[in-house]
């Protein structure tokens, strides 16, 4: 198969597949950041994380329709409003779920898995009842349509560049929040030693609620970005949840740097293999490679250093 292409064609193919992998990396990373906060910091296996992502996607869809119908002169800027509302809606829903369900299941990871799996089914049915079973898409502003011509054979879609820019901004913001803010100090203190953190005056229940809401809110932003590259349906989130868990475990459950490295390596490997193989075979080979590495390094690519 490779013999049918010239060196120039192969270079263009790998460049295009590499950029497609970067777009996939952006969505994976936004999803994995939220899940890493919830799973890595709180030890909660949130099987409904994909549905929080789709909540953000549906909020973006509603914003698109609203601005088209009632505020057409502001339509070019609606996506920024939609992303903010997606974060607030998913974050508020996450805090409600933590207060009503998750807080009773701490230190019982298998119970959180079953409970959030049931929650995911309920949210899927709610989306199906409200928006219908068919997939929906959003209307993109004109400035997000088209591509940038890099060479005669390589074109980079503008919406992909926008998604990557949003991902970089959110990643930097999360890093500053976790490692440079008072809230981040409290989150890391509760993760390290919950009893001691409570003894020094930290409201651990409040920290848990805000942390869960933050993780779900980031998933909502991922859903908003997802509308640029795919259609939104009630079960669309399930297509990403397995890969997202794989990224978090492979990178190291509580490591931000590991999540970034893991998302990049898995997305690039999968995107490149999909050109030469079928999509399902590419996923299988990627999974086998990750499992093989985890057998040699079960703690993941990066681990936190803890003082003893």
C-alpha atoms as a PDB file:
ATOM      1  CA  UNK A   1       0.000   0.000   0.000  1.00  0.00           C
ATOM      2  CA  UNK A   2       2.786   2.424   0.867  1.00  0.00           C
ATOM      3  CA  UNK A   3       4.424   1.726  -2.507  1.00  0.00           C
ATOM      4  CA  UNK A   4       1.515   3.430  -4.274  1.00  0.00           C
ATOM      5  CA  UNK A   5       2.509   6.836  -2.855  1.00  0.00           C
ATOM      6  CA  UNK A   6       5.490   9.085  -3.496  1.00  0.00           C
ATOM      7  CA  UNK A   7       7.561  10.475  -0.644  1.00  0.00           C
ATOM      8  CA  UNK A   8       5.804  13.822  -0.997  1.00  0.00           C
ATOM      9  CA  UNK A   9       2.386  12.194  -0.845  1.00  0.00           C
ATOM     10  CA  UNK A  10       3.395  10.193   2.229  1.00  0.00           C
ATOM     11  CA  UNK A  11       4.651  13.338   3.922  1.00  0.00           C
ATOM     12  CA  UNK A  12       1.364  15.137   3.229  1.00  0.00           C
ATOM     13  CA  UNK A  13      -0.641  12.124   4.428  1.00  0.00           C
ATOM     14  CA  UNK A  14       1.257  11.857   7.689  1.00  0.00           C
ATOM     15  CA  UNK A  15       0.988  15.630   8.217  1.00  0.00           C
ATOM     16  CA  UNK A  16      -2.795  15.580   7.680  1.00  0.00           C
ATOM     17  CA  UNK A  17      -3.230  12.509   9.877  1.00  0.00           C
ATOM     18  CA  UNK A  18      -1.026  14.108  12.512  1.00  0.00           C
ATOM     19  CA  UNK A  19      -3.224  17.202  12.562  1.00  0.00           C
ATOM     20  CA  UNK A  20      -6.367  15.038  12.679  1.00  0.00           C
ATOM     21  CA  UNK A  21      -4.746  13.348  15.669  1.00  0.00           C
ATOM     22  CA  UNK A  22      -4.217  16.762  17.292  1.00  0.00           C
ATOM     23  CA  UNK A  23      -7.930  17.562  16.963  1.00  0.00           C
ATOM     24  CA  UNK A  24      -8.772  14.176  18.479  1.00  0.00           C
ATOM     25  CA  UNK A  25      -6.141  14.859  21.154  1.00  0.00           C
ATOM     26  CA  UNK A  26      -7.880  18.143  22.011  1.00  0.00           C
ATOM     27  CA  UNK A  27     -11.259  16.478  22.634  1.00  0.00           C
ATOM     28  CA  UNK A  28      -9.641  13.572  24.488  1.00  0.00           C
ATOM     29  CA  UNK A  29      -7.644  15.934  26.685  1.00  0.00           C
ATOM     30  CA  UNK A  30     -10.633  18.096  27.600  1.00  0.00           C
ATOM     31  CA  UNK A  31     -12.583  14.962  28.509  1.00  0.00           C
ATOM     32  CA  UNK A  32      -9.642  13.422  30.361  1.00  0.00           C
ATOM     33  CA  UNK A  33      -8.889  16.594  32.351  1.00  0.00           C
ATOM     34  CA  UNK A  34     -12.336  16.526  33.901  1.00  0.00           C
ATOM     35  CA  UNK A  35     -12.166  12.800  34.523  1.00  0.00           C
ATOM     36  CA  UNK A  36      -8.640  13.010  35.971  1.00  0.00           C
ATOM     37  CA  UNK A  37      -9.867  15.587  38.487  1.00  0.00           C
ATOM     38  CA  UNK A  38     -12.828  13.411  39.507  1.00  0.00           C
ATOM     39  CA  UNK A  39     -11.124  10.016  39.385  1.00  0.00           C
ATOM     40  CA  UNK A  40      -7.586  11.031  40.300  1.00  0.00           C
ATOM     41  CA  UNK A  41      -8.420  13.540  43.025  1.00  0.00           C
ATOM     42  CA  UNK A  42     -11.604  11.973  44.441  1.00  0.00           C
ATOM     43  CA  UNK A  43     -11.359   8.275  43.542  1.00  0.00           C
ATOM     44  CA  UNK A  44     -14.829   8.344  41.949  1.00  0.00           C
ATOM     45  CA  UNK A  45     -15.391   6.230  38.828  1.00  0.00           C
ATOM     46  CA  UNK A  46     -17.807   8.475  36.931  1.00  0.00           C
ATOM     47  CA  UNK A  47     -19.363   6.402  34.141  1.00  0.00           C
ATOM     48  CA  UNK A  48     -21.704   9.320  33.339  1.00  0.00           C
ATOM     49  CA  UNK A  49     -18.821  11.596  32.350  1.00  0.00           C
ATOM     50  CA  UNK A  50     -19.678  11.217  28.664  1.00  0.00           C
ATOM     51  CA  UNK A  51     -23.248  12.342  29.348  1.00  0.00           C
ATOM     52  CA  UNK A  52     -21.974  15.520  31.020  1.00  0.00           C
ATOM     53  CA  UNK A  53     -19.994  16.107  27.846  1.00  0.00           C
ATOM     54  CA  UNK A  54     -23.133  15.679  25.744  1.00  0.00           C
ATOM     55  CA  UNK A  55     -25.010  18.063  28.050  1.00  0.00           C
ATOM     56  CA  UNK A  56     -22.480  20.713  27.028  1.00  0.00           C
ATOM     57  CA  UNK A  57     -22.986  19.782  23.377  1.00  0.00           C
ATOM     58  CA  UNK A  58     -26.778  20.144  23.642  1.00  0.00           C
ATOM     59  CA  UNK A  59     -26.390  23.503  25.413  1.00  0.00           C
ATOM     60  CA  UNK A  60     -24.266  24.635  22.450  1.00  0.00           C
ATOM     61  CA  UNK A  61     -26.948  23.375  20.057  1.00  0.00           C
ATOM     62  CA  UNK A  62     -29.638  25.343  21.909  1.00  0.00           C
ATOM     63  CA  UNK A  63     -27.461  28.470  21.900  1.00  0.00           C
ATOM     64  CA  UNK A  64     -26.898  28.106  18.153  1.00  0.00           C
ATOM     65  CA  UNK A  65     -30.649  27.967  17.507  1.00  0.00           C
ATOM     66  CA  UNK A  66     -31.398  30.817  19.922  1.00  0.00           C
ATOM     67  CA  UNK A  67     -28.849  33.209  18.448  1.00  0.00           C
ATOM     68  CA  UNK A  68     -29.929  32.359  14.905  1.00  0.00           C
ATOM     69  CA  UNK A  69     -33.588  33.062  15.720  1.00  0.00           C
ATOM     70  CA  UNK A  70     -33.389  36.017  18.118  1.00  0.00           C
ATOM     71  CA  UNK A  71     -29.882  37.537  18.015  1.00  0.00           C
ATOM     72  CA  UNK A  72     -28.581  37.029  14.466  1.00  0.00           C
ATOM     73  CA  UNK A  73     -26.325  40.097  14.684  1.00  0.00           C
ATOM     74  CA  UNK A  74     -24.441  38.418  17.558  1.00  0.00           C
ATOM     75  CA  UNK A  75     -24.299  34.989  15.917  1.00  0.00           C
ATOM     76  CA  UNK A  76     -20.560  35.206  15.021  1.00  0.00           C
ATOM     77  CA  UNK A  77     -19.738  35.371  18.746  1.00  0.00           C
ATOM     78  CA  UNK A  78     -22.309  32.880  20.030  1.00  0.00           C
ATOM     79  CA  UNK A  79     -19.791  30.065  20.473  1.00  0.00           C
ATOM     80  CA  UNK A  80     -18.018  31.860  23.303  1.00  0.00           C
ATOM     81  CA  UNK A  81     -21.332  32.323  25.123  1.00  0.00           C
ATOM     82  CA  UNK A  82     -22.229  28.670  24.438  1.00  0.00           C
ATOM     83  CA  UNK A  83     -18.972  27.399  25.932  1.00  0.00           C
ATOM     84  CA  UNK A  84     -19.492  29.438  29.090  1.00  0.00           C
ATOM     85  CA  UNK A  85     -23.063  28.211  29.462  1.00  0.00           C
ATOM     86  CA  UNK A  86     -21.971  24.627  28.747  1.00  0.00           C
ATOM     87  CA  UNK A  87     -19.445  24.854  31.580  1.00  0.00           C
ATOM     88  CA  UNK A  88     -22.024  26.304  33.982  1.00  0.00           C
ATOM     89  CA  UNK A  89     -24.765  23.810  33.053  1.00  0.00           C
ATOM     90  CA  UNK A  90     -22.547  20.719  33.293  1.00  0.00           C
ATOM     91  CA  UNK A  91     -20.823  22.021  36.423  1.00  0.00           C
ATOM     92  CA  UNK A  92     -24.122  22.780  38.179  1.00  0.00           C
ATOM     93  CA  UNK A  93     -25.487  19.376  37.198  1.00  0.00           C
ATOM     94  CA  UNK A  94     -22.303  17.756  38.518  1.00  0.00           C
ATOM     95  CA  UNK A  95     -22.585  19.542  41.863  1.00  0.00           C
ATOM     96  CA  UNK A  96     -26.219  18.447  42.135  1.00  0.00           C
ATOM     97  CA  UNK A  97     -25.242  14.831  41.422  1.00  0.00           C
ATOM     98  CA  UNK A  98     -22.424  14.987  43.988  1.00  0.00           C
ATOM     99  CA  UNK A  99     -24.791  16.362  46.647  1.00  0.00           C
ATOM    100  CA  UNK A 100     -27.629  13.952  45.939  1.00  0.00           C
ATOM    101  CA  UNK A 101     -25.694  10.758  45.108  1.00  0.00           C
ATOM    102  CA  UNK A 102     -21.904  10.684  45.090  1.00  0.00           C
ATOM    103  CA  UNK A 103     -21.290  11.997  48.612  1.00  0.00           C
ATOM    104  CA  UNK A 104     -22.863   8.857  50.044  1.00  0.00           C
ATOM    105  CA  UNK A 105     -20.538   6.554  48.081  1.00  0.00           C
ATOM    106  CA  UNK A 106     -17.019   7.811  48.856  1.00  0.00           C
ATOM    107  CA  UNK A 107     -14.477   5.045  49.481  1.00  0.00           C
ATOM    108  CA  UNK A 108     -16.788   2.646  47.600  1.00  0.00           C
ATOM    109  CA  UNK A 109     -15.470   2.879  44.008  1.00  0.00           C
ATOM    110  CA  UNK A 110     -17.452  -0.079  42.674  1.00  0.00           C
ATOM    111  CA  UNK A 111     -20.654   1.434  44.027  1.00  0.00           C
ATOM    112  CA  UNK A 112     -19.859   4.758  42.343  1.00  0.00           C
ATOM    113  CA  UNK A 113     -19.298   2.853  39.093  1.00  0.00           C
ATOM    114  CA  UNK A 114     -22.725   1.200  39.267  1.00  0.00           C
ATOM    115  CA  UNK A 115     -24.499   4.360  40.440  1.00  0.00           C
ATOM    116  CA  UNK A 116     -23.010   6.603  37.742  1.00  0.00           C
ATOM    117  CA  UNK A 117     -23.615   3.943  35.087  1.00  0.00           C
ATOM    118  CA  UNK A 118     -27.303   4.015  36.046  1.00  0.00           C
ATOM    119  CA  UNK A 119     -27.153   7.819  35.993  1.00  0.00           C
ATOM    120  CA  UNK A 120     -25.709   7.717  32.467  1.00  0.00           C
ATOM    121  CA  UNK A 121     -28.649   5.597  31.265  1.00  0.00           C
ATOM    122  CA  UNK A 122     -31.113   8.031  32.859  1.00  0.00           C
ATOM    123  CA  UNK A 123     -29.399  11.035  31.247  1.00  0.00           C
ATOM    124  CA  UNK A 124     -29.360   9.313  27.847  1.00  0.00           C
ATOM    125  CA  UNK A 125     -33.092   8.665  28.095  1.00  0.00           C
ATOM    126  CA  UNK A 126     -33.696  12.262  29.168  1.00  0.00           C
ATOM    127  CA  UNK A 127     -31.774  13.536  26.115  1.00  0.00           C
ATOM    128  CA  UNK A 128     -33.728  11.145  23.904  1.00  0.00           C
ATOM    129  CA  UNK A 129     -37.041  12.371  25.308  1.00  0.00           C
ATOM    130  CA  UNK A 130     -36.163  16.076  25.047  1.00  0.00           C
ATOM    131  CA  UNK A 131     -34.129  16.277  21.833  1.00  0.00           C
ATOM    132  CA  UNK A 132     -35.181  13.098  20.041  1.00  0.00           C
ATOM    133  CA  UNK A 133     -33.193  10.025  19.079  1.00  0.00           C
ATOM    134  CA  UNK A 134     -31.707  11.545  15.925  1.00  0.00           C
ATOM    135  CA  UNK A 135     -28.355  13.298  15.987  1.00  0.00           C
ATOM    136  CA  UNK A 136     -28.303  17.081  15.709  1.00  0.00           C
ATOM    137  CA  UNK A 137     -25.623  19.495  14.553  1.00  0.00           C
ATOM    138  CA  UNK A 138     -24.836  23.148  15.179  1.00  0.00           C
ATOM    139  CA  UNK A 139     -24.443  25.954  12.682  1.00  0.00           C
ATOM    140  CA  UNK A 140     -20.896  27.286  12.858  1.00  0.00           C
ATOM    141  CA  UNK A 141     -20.121  31.012  12.479  1.00  0.00           C
ATOM    142  CA  UNK A 142     -18.617  31.935   9.130  1.00  0.00           C
ATOM    143  CA  UNK A 143     -15.208  32.657  10.635  1.00  0.00           C
ATOM    144  CA  UNK A 144     -14.931  29.029  11.822  1.00  0.00           C
ATOM    145  CA  UNK A 145     -15.652  27.616   8.357  1.00  0.00           C
ATOM    146  CA  UNK A 146     -12.883  26.905   5.879  1.00  0.00           C
ATOM    147  CA  UNK A 147      -9.245  25.980   6.153  1.00  0.00           C
ATOM    148  CA  UNK A 148      -5.755  27.419   6.145  1.00  0.00           C
ATOM    149  CA  UNK A 149      -3.643  26.414   3.141  1.00  0.00           C
ATOM    150  CA  UNK A 150      -0.232  25.412   4.505  1.00  0.00           C
ATOM    151  CA  UNK A 151       1.151  23.827   1.325  1.00  0.00           C
ATOM    152  CA  UNK A 152      -0.302  22.750  -2.010  1.00  0.00           C
ATOM    153  CA  UNK A 153      -1.422  19.461  -0.488  1.00  0.00           C
ATOM    154  CA  UNK A 154      -1.927  20.297   3.205  1.00  0.00           C
ATOM    155  CA  UNK A 155      -4.955  22.187   4.516  1.00  0.00           C
ATOM    156  CA  UNK A 156      -5.716  22.791   8.178  1.00  0.00           C
ATOM    157  CA  UNK A 157      -9.393  23.364   9.133  1.00  0.00           C
ATOM    158  CA  UNK A 158      -9.965  26.569  11.076  1.00  0.00           C
ATOM    159  CA  UNK A 159     -12.392  24.950  13.525  1.00  0.00           C
ATOM    160  CA  UNK A 160      -9.681  22.422  14.393  1.00  0.00           C
ATOM    161  CA  UNK A 161      -7.261  25.250  15.181  1.00  0.00           C
ATOM    162  CA  UNK A 162      -9.935  26.855  17.376  1.00  0.00           C
ATOM    163  CA  UNK A 163     -10.518  23.611  19.301  1.00  0.00           C
ATOM    164  CA  UNK A 164      -6.766  23.268  19.872  1.00  0.00           C
ATOM    165  CA  UNK A 165      -6.559  26.862  21.108  1.00  0.00           C
ATOM    166  CA  UNK A 166      -9.420  26.296  23.552  1.00  0.00           C
ATOM    167  CA  UNK A 167      -7.751  23.106  24.792  1.00  0.00           C
ATOM    168  CA  UNK A 168      -4.457  24.885  25.451  1.00  0.00           C
ATOM    169  CA  UNK A 169      -6.252  27.684  27.316  1.00  0.00           C
ATOM    170  CA  UNK A 170      -8.305  25.275  29.466  1.00  0.00           C
ATOM    171  CA  UNK A 171      -5.262  23.110  30.253  1.00  0.00           C
ATOM    172  CA  UNK A 172      -3.226  26.110  31.423  1.00  0.00           C
ATOM    173  CA  UNK A 173      -6.189  27.360  33.467  1.00  0.00           C
ATOM    174  CA  UNK A 174      -6.634  23.972  35.170  1.00  0.00           C
ATOM    175  CA  UNK A 175      -2.916  23.750  35.941  1.00  0.00           C
ATOM    176  CA  UNK A 176      -2.924  27.233  37.507  1.00  0.00           C
ATOM    177  CA  UNK A 177      -6.088  26.430  39.462  1.00  0.00           C
ATOM    178  CA  UNK A 178      -4.760  23.154  40.879  1.00  0.00           C
ATOM    179  CA  UNK A 179      -1.168  24.215  41.577  1.00  0.00           C
ATOM    180  CA  UNK A 180      -1.302  27.993  42.088  1.00  0.00           C
ATOM    181  CA  UNK A 181      -4.596  28.766  43.841  1.00  0.00           C
ATOM    182  CA  UNK A 182      -5.937  28.382  47.363  1.00  0.00           C
ATOM    183  CA  UNK A 183      -8.703  26.103  46.090  1.00  0.00           C
ATOM    184  CA  UNK A 184      -6.107  23.889  44.406  1.00  0.00           C
ATOM    185  CA  UNK A 185      -4.169  23.639  47.665  1.00  0.00           C
ATOM    186  CA  UNK A 186      -7.329  22.535  49.438  1.00  0.00           C
ATOM    187  CA  UNK A 187      -8.095  19.952  46.747  1.00  0.00           C
ATOM    188  CA  UNK A 188      -4.609  18.471  46.991  1.00  0.00           C
ATOM    189  CA  UNK A 189      -4.745  18.515  50.789  1.00  0.00           C
ATOM    190  CA  UNK A 190      -8.057  16.629  50.851  1.00  0.00           C
ATOM    191  CA  UNK A 191      -6.718  14.121  48.306  1.00  0.00           C
ATOM    192  CA  UNK A 192      -3.556  13.564  50.343  1.00  0.00           C
ATOM    193  CA  UNK A 193      -5.136  13.236  53.793  1.00  0.00           C
ATOM    194  CA  UNK A 194      -8.851  13.910  54.179  1.00  0.00           C
ATOM    195  CA  UNK A 195      -8.921  13.566  57.983  1.00  0.00           C
ATOM    196  CA  UNK A 196      -5.995  15.948  58.502  1.00  0.00           C
ATOM    197  CA  UNK A 197      -7.404  18.454  55.995  1.00  0.00           C
ATOM    198  CA  UNK A 198     -10.693  18.502  57.925  1.00  0.00           C
ATOM    199  CA  UNK A 199      -8.801  18.875  61.203  1.00  0.00           C
ATOM    200  CA  UNK A 200      -7.073  22.072  60.029  1.00  0.00           C
ATOM    201  CA  UNK A 201     -10.371  23.693  59.053  1.00  0.00           C
ATOM    202  CA  UNK A 202     -10.889  22.756  55.385  1.00  0.00           C
ATOM    203  CA  UNK A 203     -14.525  22.092  54.518  1.00  0.00           C
ATOM    204  CA  UNK A 204     -13.943  18.749  52.800  1.00  0.00           C
ATOM    205  CA  UNK A 205     -17.561  18.324  51.692  1.00  0.00           C
ATOM    206  CA  UNK A 206     -17.513  21.722  49.969  1.00  0.00           C
ATOM    207  CA  UNK A 207     -14.194  20.938  48.293  1.00  0.00           C
ATOM    208  CA  UNK A 208     -15.570  17.609  47.045  1.00  0.00           C
ATOM    209  CA  UNK A 209     -18.663  19.282  45.606  1.00  0.00           C
ATOM    210  CA  UNK A 210     -16.733  22.009  43.819  1.00  0.00           C
ATOM    211  CA  UNK A 211     -14.154  19.516  42.549  1.00  0.00           C
ATOM    212  CA  UNK A 212     -16.807  17.239  41.080  1.00  0.00           C
ATOM    213  CA  UNK A 213     -18.556  20.248  39.558  1.00  0.00           C
ATOM    214  CA  UNK A 214     -15.277  21.487  38.053  1.00  0.00           C
ATOM    215  CA  UNK A 215     -14.580  18.112  36.439  1.00  0.00           C
ATOM    216  CA  UNK A 216     -18.094  17.928  34.983  1.00  0.00           C
ATOM    217  CA  UNK A 217     -17.894  21.556  33.818  1.00  0.00           C
ATOM    218  CA  UNK A 218     -14.707  20.828  31.863  1.00  0.00           C
ATOM    219  CA  UNK A 219     -16.517  17.881  30.271  1.00  0.00           C
ATOM    220  CA  UNK A 220     -19.229  20.352  29.227  1.00  0.00           C
ATOM    221  CA  UNK A 221     -16.609  22.490  27.470  1.00  0.00           C
ATOM    222  CA  UNK A 222     -15.354  19.330  25.758  1.00  0.00           C
ATOM    223  CA  UNK A 223     -18.918  18.720  24.537  1.00  0.00           C
ATOM    224  CA  UNK A 224     -19.122  22.257  23.193  1.00  0.00           C
ATOM    225  CA  UNK A 225     -15.879  21.723  21.283  1.00  0.00           C
ATOM    226  CA  UNK A 226     -17.113  18.308  20.127  1.00  0.00           C
ATOM    227  CA  UNK A 227     -19.982  19.925  18.177  1.00  0.00           C
ATOM    228  CA  UNK A 228     -17.407  21.332  15.733  1.00  0.00           C
ATOM    229  CA  UNK A 229     -16.170  17.917  14.649  1.00  0.00           C
ATOM    230  CA  UNK A 230     -19.179  15.624  15.072  1.00  0.00           C
ATOM    231  CA  UNK A 231     -22.944  15.366  15.445  1.00  0.00           C
ATOM    232  CA  UNK A 232     -24.576  15.211  18.868  1.00  0.00           C
ATOM    233  CA  UNK A 233     -26.854  12.347  19.892  1.00  0.00           C
ATOM    234  CA  UNK A 234     -28.097  10.868  23.171  1.00  0.00           C
ATOM    235  CA  UNK A 235     -25.410   8.157  23.174  1.00  0.00           C
ATOM    236  CA  UNK A 236     -22.512  10.099  21.610  1.00  0.00           C
ATOM    237  CA  UNK A 237     -20.724  10.396  24.956  1.00  0.00           C
ATOM    238  CA  UNK A 238     -20.344   6.617  25.222  1.00  0.00           C
ATOM    239  CA  UNK A 239     -18.068   6.677  22.182  1.00  0.00           C
ATOM    240  CA  UNK A 240     -15.434   8.545  24.192  1.00  0.00           C
ATOM    241  CA  UNK A 241     -15.779   7.331  27.770  1.00  0.00           C
ATOM    242  CA  UNK A 242     -13.672   4.152  27.365  1.00  0.00           C
ATOM    243  CA  UNK A 243     -10.864   6.016  25.610  1.00  0.00           C
ATOM    244  CA  UNK A 244     -11.000   8.726  28.272  1.00  0.00           C
ATOM    245  CA  UNK A 245     -10.657   6.245  31.143  1.00  0.00           C
ATOM    246  CA  UNK A 246      -7.821   4.586  29.237  1.00  0.00           C
ATOM    247  CA  UNK A 247      -6.026   7.929  28.925  1.00  0.00           C
ATOM    248  CA  UNK A 248      -6.383   8.723  32.639  1.00  0.00           C
ATOM    249  CA  UNK A 249      -5.166   5.286  33.762  1.00  0.00           C
ATOM    250  CA  UNK A 250      -2.338   5.174  31.215  1.00  0.00           C
ATOM    251  CA  UNK A 251      -1.053   8.631  32.130  1.00  0.00           C
ATOM    252  CA  UNK A 252      -1.333   8.167  35.891  1.00  0.00           C
ATOM    253  CA  UNK A 253      -4.599   8.785  37.713  1.00  0.00           C
ATOM    254  CA  UNK A 254      -3.522  11.923  39.602  1.00  0.00           C
ATOM    255  CA  UNK A 255      -0.995  13.385  37.149  1.00  0.00           C
ATOM    256  CA  UNK A 256      -1.883  16.347  34.913  1.00  0.00           C
ATOM    257  CA  UNK A 257       1.307  15.935  32.881  1.00  0.00           C
ATOM    258  CA  UNK A 258       0.611  12.221  32.497  1.00  0.00           C
ATOM    259  CA  UNK A 259      -2.914  12.936  31.235  1.00  0.00           C
ATOM    260  CA  UNK A 260      -1.545  15.289  28.568  1.00  0.00           C
ATOM    261  CA  UNK A 261       1.174  12.855  27.456  1.00  0.00           C
ATOM    262  CA  UNK A 262      -1.224   9.921  27.427  1.00  0.00           C
ATOM    263  CA  UNK A 263      -3.903  11.771  25.433  1.00  0.00           C
ATOM    264  CA  UNK A 264      -1.319  12.878  22.865  1.00  0.00           C
ATOM    265  CA  UNK A 265       0.261   9.447  22.379  1.00  0.00           C
ATOM    266  CA  UNK A 266      -3.056   7.567  22.161  1.00  0.00           C
ATOM    267  CA  UNK A 267      -4.720  10.069  19.796  1.00  0.00           C
ATOM    268  CA  UNK A 268      -1.733  10.232  17.447  1.00  0.00           C
ATOM    269  CA  UNK A 269      -1.314   6.462  17.366  1.00  0.00           C
ATOM    270  CA  UNK A 270      -4.995   5.894  16.726  1.00  0.00           C
ATOM    271  CA  UNK A 271      -5.240   8.597  14.049  1.00  0.00           C
ATOM    272  CA  UNK A 272      -2.220   7.298  12.141  1.00  0.00           C
ATOM    273  CA  UNK A 273      -3.303   3.653  12.286  1.00  0.00           C
ATOM    274  CA  UNK A 274      -6.808   4.509  11.088  1.00  0.00           C
ATOM    275  CA  UNK A 275      -5.412   5.588   7.715  1.00  0.00           C
ATOM    276  CA  UNK A 276      -3.762   2.219   7.058  1.00  0.00           C
ATOM    277  CA  UNK A 277      -6.264   0.004   8.919  1.00  0.00           C
ATOM    278  CA  UNK A 278      -9.948   0.054   9.837  1.00  0.00           C
ATOM    279  CA  UNK A 279     -11.072   2.209  12.759  1.00  0.00           C
ATOM    280  CA  UNK A 280     -11.860  -0.813  14.925  1.00  0.00           C
ATOM    281  CA  UNK A 281      -8.492  -2.459  14.222  1.00  0.00           C
ATOM    282  CA  UNK A 282      -6.692   0.799  15.031  1.00  0.00           C
ATOM    283  CA  UNK A 283      -8.466   0.917  18.402  1.00  0.00           C
ATOM    284  CA  UNK A 284      -7.586  -2.726  19.102  1.00  0.00           C
ATOM    285  CA  UNK A 285      -3.889  -2.226  18.350  1.00  0.00           C
ATOM    286  CA  UNK A 286      -3.783   0.970  20.402  1.00  0.00           C
ATOM    287  CA  UNK A 287      -5.459  -0.809  23.322  1.00  0.00           C
ATOM    288  CA  UNK A 288      -3.026  -3.750  23.113  1.00  0.00           C
ATOM    289  CA  UNK A 289      -0.057  -1.374  23.112  1.00  0.00           C
ATOM    290  CA  UNK A 290      -1.387   0.489  26.165  1.00  0.00           C
ATOM    291  CA  UNK A 291      -2.143  -2.752  28.025  1.00  0.00           C
ATOM    292  CA  UNK A 292       1.359  -4.015  27.270  1.00  0.00           C
ATOM    293  CA  UNK A 293       2.936  -0.839  28.660  1.00  0.00           C
ATOM    294  CA  UNK A 294       0.701  -0.941  31.756  1.00  0.00           C
ATOM    295  CA  UNK A 295       1.824  -4.510  32.422  1.00  0.00           C
ATOM    296  CA  UNK A 296       5.388  -3.206  32.602  1.00  0.00           C
ATOM    297  CA  UNK A 297       4.456   0.029  34.402  1.00  0.00           C
ATOM    298  CA  UNK A 298       1.123  -0.455  36.205  1.00  0.00           C
ATOM    299  CA  UNK A 299       1.240   2.958  37.898  1.00  0.00           C
ATOM    300  CA  UNK A 300       1.030   4.707  34.511  1.00  0.00           C
ATOM    301  CA  UNK A 301       3.428   7.010  32.694  1.00  0.00           C
ATOM    302  CA  UNK A 302       3.693   9.524  35.536  1.00  0.00           C
ATOM    303  CA  UNK A 303       3.078   9.214  39.260  1.00  0.00           C
ATOM    304  CA  UNK A 304       2.941  11.743  42.060  1.00  0.00           C
ATOM    305  CA  UNK A 305       5.911  11.849  44.413  1.00  0.00           C
ATOM    306  CA  UNK A 306       4.699  11.709  48.006  1.00  0.00           C
ATOM    307  CA  UNK A 307       6.804  12.627  51.034  1.00  0.00           C
ATOM    308  CA  UNK A 308       6.890  10.027  53.756  1.00  0.00           C
END
